[in-house]
Amino acid sequence: MTQRKRSPIREAPLPSAGQSLRDRRNRIWDDRVETPLFVAAAAIAIAALEWLRVFFPLPPQPWPLTALALGAIVFLGWRLKSAVPVIRRLKRGEKGERAVGQELERLREKGYEVFHDVPAPGFNIDHVLVGPAGLICIETKTWSKPVETNAKIAFDGETITVLPSGWRPGRDPVRQARALADWLHDLIRKSAGRDMHVRPVVLLPGWWVEQGKGATREVWVLEPKALGAFLLRDAQRLSVEEIKLASFHLTQYVRATLREED
């Protein structure tokens, strides 16, 4: 029997910047554009068939149109079967990133600059912090949790394991976070001309993370609420001037990249 799952996010995150406008834009497209467009296309097709009958008198042909309709229904079902799980996964991921974003915003009062969805060639970094502890490169993973069991994460410094099932992710988030941090380190070094420390972090909203031996050395794997305490215990690596320098160059890079995409 397939194990039931529940979302790890218990409370809905607050709206992000521009969220209401984004939701309104999506609703307008869905309600005012997409549906009328489909209706118009169907009406044009029916009108075209009727005009063909005017110029080429033909008896009614219900079977070809019925076959076409059945084919369209099958195609629609096939597309929905593949699209619905993806939409649900994306919705869960967006909810997790918004929840993490809200936790990170609280760190501004601790001297951290916060960046979300930093674009990069072929990928993006979910969140970046620039502050006293250096640059923090964050990969967010919003994994569903089993309903029946009290599941938790075990991290030994290299491997993430879900307990008690023993499941391990196919795409290693730790390796992914390291790769993102290496890219960010090279970007700042080339742009700002400084070799600044970048720490890779994996945040798992809604999960209890059990830290094993060596778990806090290079890569941090944490529940978002624990990040602030880890940053306070870490060494101060950047001065106020270096924080401003790194933030400036990262801001310039993001804006330039977004302009190119437009």
Protein backbone atom coordinates (compact mmCIF):
# COMPACT_ATOMS: atom_id res chain seq x y z
CA MET A 1 0.00 0.00 0.00
CA THR A 2 1.27 3.45 -0.94
CA GLN A 3 2.18 5.48 2.13
CA ARG A 4 0.13 8.63 2.56
CA LYS A 5 2.02 11.90 2.58
CA ARG A 6 1.44 15.35 4.03
CA SER A 7 2.97 18.72 3.36
CA PRO A 8 5.89 19.67 5.67
CA ILE A 9 4.69 23.29 5.66
CA ARG A 10 2.09 23.70 8.43
CA GLU A 11 1.43 27.42 8.09
CA ALA A 12 0.89 29.22 4.82
CA PRO A 13 3.69 31.72 4.21
CA LEU A 14 2.89 35.40 3.96
CA PRO A 15 2.65 36.87 0.45
CA SER A 16 5.96 37.71 -1.18
CA ALA A 17 6.65 41.01 -2.91
CA GLY A 18 4.27 41.45 -5.82
CA GLN A 19 2.38 38.27 -4.95
CA SER A 20 -1.10 39.79 -5.25
CA LEU A 21 -0.29 41.30 -8.64
CA ARG A 22 1.17 38.02 -9.83
CA ASP A 23 -1.89 36.09 -8.69
CA ARG A 24 -4.20 38.63 -10.29
CA ARG A 25 -2.28 38.41 -13.56
CA ASN A 26 -2.60 34.64 -13.57
CA ARG A 27 -6.32 34.81 -12.83
CA ILE A 28 -6.88 37.31 -15.61
CA TRP A 29 -5.04 35.10 -18.08
CA ASP A 30 -6.95 32.00 -17.00
CA ASP A 31 -10.40 33.61 -16.83
CA ARG A 32 -10.31 36.25 -19.55
CA VAL A 33 -7.84 34.97 -22.12
CA GLU A 34 -7.32 31.22 -22.05
CA THR A 35 -11.00 30.14 -21.89
CA PRO A 36 -12.27 32.65 -24.50
CA LEU A 37 -9.37 31.71 -26.76
CA PHE A 38 -10.38 28.05 -26.61
CA VAL A 39 -14.05 28.89 -27.22
CA ALA A 40 -13.14 31.14 -30.16
CA ALA A 41 -10.97 28.42 -31.71
CA ALA A 42 -13.78 25.87 -31.36
CA ALA A 43 -16.30 28.32 -32.87
CA ILE A 44 -14.01 29.06 -35.81
CA ALA A 45 -13.57 25.34 -36.47
CA ILE A 46 -17.34 24.72 -36.44
CA ALA A 47 -17.98 27.75 -38.69
CA ALA A 48 -15.32 26.55 -41.12
CA LEU A 49 -17.00 23.14 -41.35
CA GLU A 50 -20.36 24.75 -42.05
CA TRP A 51 -18.89 26.93 -44.83
CA LEU A 52 -17.34 23.83 -46.36
CA ARG A 53 -20.80 22.29 -46.47
CA VAL A 54 -22.13 25.40 -48.26
CA PHE A 55 -19.58 25.18 -51.05
CA PHE A 56 -19.30 21.39 -51.05
CA PRO A 57 -22.73 19.97 -50.17
CA LEU A 58 -22.10 16.91 -48.05
CA PRO A 59 -24.32 14.79 -45.81
CA PRO A 60 -23.68 14.95 -42.03
CA GLN A 61 -20.45 13.18 -41.01
CA PRO A 62 -20.73 12.56 -37.24
CA TRP A 63 -18.23 9.69 -37.00
CA PRO A 64 -15.06 11.53 -38.06
CA LEU A 65 -15.87 14.40 -35.68
CA THR A 66 -16.68 11.93 -32.90
CA ALA A 67 -13.34 10.19 -33.47
CA LEU A 68 -11.61 13.56 -33.39
CA ALA A 69 -13.38 14.49 -30.14
CA LEU A 70 -12.43 11.16 -28.53
CA GLY A 71 -8.84 11.65 -29.62
CA ALA A 72 -8.83 15.12 -28.09
CA ILE A 73 -10.24 13.73 -24.82
CA VAL A 74 -7.56 11.03 -24.69
CA PHE A 75 -4.85 13.60 -25.42
CA LEU A 76 -6.23 15.89 -22.71
CA GLY A 77 -6.26 13.04 -20.18
CA TRP A 78 -2.68 12.10 -21.06
CA ARG A 79 -1.49 15.68 -20.67
CA LEU A 80 -3.31 16.11 -17.36
CA LYS A 81 -1.85 12.87 -16.02
CA SER A 82 1.66 14.17 -16.63
CA ALA A 83 0.98 17.82 -15.74
CA VAL A 84 -0.94 17.55 -12.45
CA PRO A 85 1.92 15.93 -10.42
CA VAL A 86 4.36 18.52 -11.78
CA ILE A 87 2.02 21.39 -10.89
CA ARG A 88 1.58 20.01 -7.38
CA ARG A 89 5.33 19.61 -6.94
CA LEU A 90 5.98 23.14 -8.19
CA LYS A 91 3.28 24.52 -5.91
CA ARG A 92 4.81 22.71 -2.93
CA GLY A 93 8.26 23.97 -3.87
CA GLU A 94 7.04 27.55 -4.25
CA LYS A 95 5.34 27.36 -0.86
CA GLY A 96 8.54 26.08 0.72
CA GLU A 97 10.69 28.78 -0.87
CA ARG A 98 8.30 31.49 0.28
CA ALA A 99 8.37 30.09 3.83
CA VAL A 100 12.18 30.02 3.78
CA GLY A 101 12.27 33.52 2.30
CA GLN A 102 10.27 34.87 5.21
CA GLU A 103 12.69 33.33 7.71
CA LEU A 104 15.65 34.81 5.85
CA GLU A 105 14.13 38.29 5.76
CA ARG A 106 14.34 38.36 9.56
CA LEU A 107 18.14 38.16 9.29
CA ARG A 108 18.36 41.65 7.79
CA GLU A 109 18.35 43.08 11.30
CA LYS A 110 21.45 40.95 11.98
CA GLY A 111 23.35 42.67 9.18
CA TYR A 112 22.53 40.32 6.31
CA GLU A 113 21.48 41.25 2.79
CA VAL A 114 18.99 38.80 1.31
CA PHE A 115 18.66 37.77 -2.33
CA HIS A 116 16.03 35.40 -3.74
CA ASP A 117 16.03 33.42 -6.99
CA VAL A 118 19.48 34.48 -8.16
CA PRO A 119 19.68 33.61 -11.87
CA ALA A 120 22.63 31.70 -13.26
CA PRO A 121 23.42 30.01 -16.60
CA GLY A 122 20.94 27.13 -16.83
CA PHE A 123 19.94 27.15 -13.16
CA ASN A 124 19.16 29.43 -10.25
CA ILE A 125 20.14 29.78 -6.61
CA ASP A 126 17.08 29.76 -4.35
CA HIS A 127 18.49 32.25 -1.80
CA VAL A 128 21.75 34.03 -1.04
CA LEU A 129 22.69 35.78 2.20
CA VAL A 130 25.54 38.26 2.39
CA GLY A 131 26.58 39.18 5.91
CA PRO A 132 29.07 38.85 8.76
CA ALA A 133 29.44 35.06 8.31
CA GLY A 134 30.23 35.46 4.61
CA LEU A 135 28.09 34.51 1.66
CA ILE A 136 25.50 31.82 2.37
CA CYS A 137 24.34 29.92 -0.71
CA ILE A 138 21.01 28.22 0.03
CA GLU A 139 19.29 25.35 -1.73
CA THR A 140 15.73 24.73 -0.51
CA LYS A 141 14.15 21.26 -0.65
CA THR A 142 10.45 20.97 0.20
CA TRP A 143 9.88 17.25 0.63
CA SER A 144 6.56 15.70 1.57
CA LYS A 145 6.41 13.89 4.90
CA PRO A 146 4.68 10.57 5.71
CA VAL A 147 1.44 11.10 7.62
CA GLU A 148 1.65 8.00 9.83
CA THR A 149 5.28 8.19 11.00
CA ASN A 150 7.34 10.78 12.83
CA ALA A 151 9.91 11.14 10.06
CA LYS A 152 13.10 13.15 10.45
CA ILE A 153 16.33 13.90 8.58
CA ALA A 154 19.72 12.54 9.57
CA PHE A 155 22.81 14.31 8.23
CA ASP A 156 26.34 13.02 8.81
CA GLY A 157 28.23 15.77 7.01
CA GLU A 158 28.00 14.12 3.59
CA THR A 159 24.71 12.24 3.21
CA ILE A 160 21.08 13.12 3.88
CA THR A 161 18.90 10.22 5.02
CA VAL A 162 15.20 10.22 5.85
CA LEU A 163 14.43 8.21 8.97
CA PRO A 164 12.97 5.75 9.75
CA SER A 165 12.52 4.71 6.08
CA GLY A 166 16.20 5.10 5.16
CA TRP A 167 15.30 6.90 1.92
CA ARG A 168 17.99 9.00 0.27
CA PRO A 169 17.33 11.55 -2.49
CA GLY A 170 18.34 10.55 -6.00
CA ARG A 171 19.78 14.00 -6.73
CA ASP A 172 22.20 14.72 -3.91
CA PRO A 173 21.23 18.14 -2.40
CA VAL A 174 24.61 18.39 -0.64
CA ARG A 175 26.54 18.04 -3.88
CA GLN A 176 24.13 20.44 -5.55
CA ALA A 177 24.61 23.05 -2.81
CA ARG A 178 28.39 22.73 -3.11
CA ALA A 179 28.26 23.26 -6.86
CA LEU A 180 26.09 26.35 -6.45
CA ALA A 181 28.44 27.75 -3.79
CA ASP A 182 31.47 27.18 -6.04
CA TRP A 183 29.75 29.06 -8.87
CA LEU A 184 28.83 31.95 -6.56
CA HIS A 185 32.38 32.08 -5.18
CA ASP A 186 33.81 32.38 -8.70
CA LEU A 187 31.25 35.04 -9.64
CA ILE A 188 32.12 37.29 -6.68
CA ARG A 189 35.85 36.71 -7.09
CA LYS A 190 35.75 37.75 -10.74
CA SER A 191 33.29 40.61 -10.23
CA ALA A 192 34.47 42.15 -6.96
CA GLY A 193 38.08 41.02 -7.11
CA ARG A 194 37.86 39.50 -3.61
CA ASP A 195 38.13 35.89 -2.46
CA MET A 196 35.15 35.69 -0.09
CA HIS A 197 33.97 32.67 1.86
CA VAL A 198 30.79 31.02 0.50
CA ARG A 199 29.05 28.41 2.62
CA PRO A 200 26.69 25.91 0.97
CA VAL A 201 23.46 25.35 2.93
CA VAL A 202 20.52 23.01 2.36
CA LEU A 203 17.31 24.10 4.08
CA LEU A 204 14.47 21.61 4.62
CA PRO A 205 11.33 23.46 5.77
CA GLY A 206 9.16 21.48 8.17
CA TRP A 207 11.73 18.75 8.89
CA TRP A 208 13.62 18.02 12.09
CA VAL A 209 17.30 17.58 11.18
CA GLU A 210 19.44 15.35 13.38
CA GLN A 211 23.05 16.51 13.17
CA GLY A 212 25.55 13.65 13.17
CA LYS A 213 29.30 13.77 13.68
CA GLY A 214 30.89 16.22 11.24
CA ALA A 215 27.52 17.58 10.16
CA THR A 216 28.36 21.24 10.73
CA ARG A 217 31.77 21.44 9.06
CA GLU A 218 31.48 22.57 5.45
CA VAL A 219 27.84 22.15 4.39
CA TRP A 220 24.92 22.92 6.69
CA VAL A 221 21.69 20.95 6.41
CA LEU A 222 19.06 22.62 8.58
CA GLU A 223 15.44 23.42 9.24
CA PRO A 224 15.14 27.14 8.28
CA LYS A 225 14.42 28.33 11.82
CA ALA A 226 17.80 26.95 12.96
CA LEU A 227 19.86 28.95 10.47
CA GLY A 228 20.02 32.12 12.57
CA ALA A 229 21.61 30.31 15.52
CA PHE A 230 24.19 28.64 13.26
CA LEU A 231 25.14 31.99 11.76
CA LEU A 232 25.59 33.55 15.20
CA ARG A 233 27.99 30.76 16.20
CA ASP A 234 30.01 31.04 13.00
CA ALA A 235 33.10 33.21 12.71
CA GLN A 236 32.80 36.76 11.40
CA ARG A 237 34.34 36.64 7.94
CA LEU A 238 33.21 39.88 6.26
CA SER A 239 33.43 43.48 7.37
CA VAL A 240 30.63 45.97 6.77
CA GLU A 241 32.52 47.31 3.74
CA GLU A 242 32.97 43.82 2.28
CA ILE A 243 29.28 43.05 2.80
CA LYS A 244 28.37 46.20 0.87
CA LEU A 245 30.87 45.34 -1.87
CA ALA A 246 29.61 41.79 -2.36
CA SER A 247 25.97 42.91 -2.21
CA PHE A 248 26.58 45.63 -4.79
CA HIS A 249 28.23 43.28 -7.28
CA LEU A 250 25.61 40.57 -6.77
CA THR A 251 22.84 43.14 -7.28
CA GLN A 252 24.47 44.42 -10.45
CA TYR A 253 24.85 40.88 -11.77
CA VAL A 254 21.18 39.98 -11.09
CA ARG A 255 19.88 43.16 -12.73
CA ALA A 256 22.10 42.72 -15.78
CA THR A 257 21.02 39.09 -16.17
CA LEU A 258 17.33 39.97 -15.89
CA ARG A 259 17.74 42.71 -18.50
CA GLU A 260 19.29 40.18 -20.89
CA GLU A 261 16.40 37.77 -20.33
CA ASP A 262 13.86 40.52 -21.12
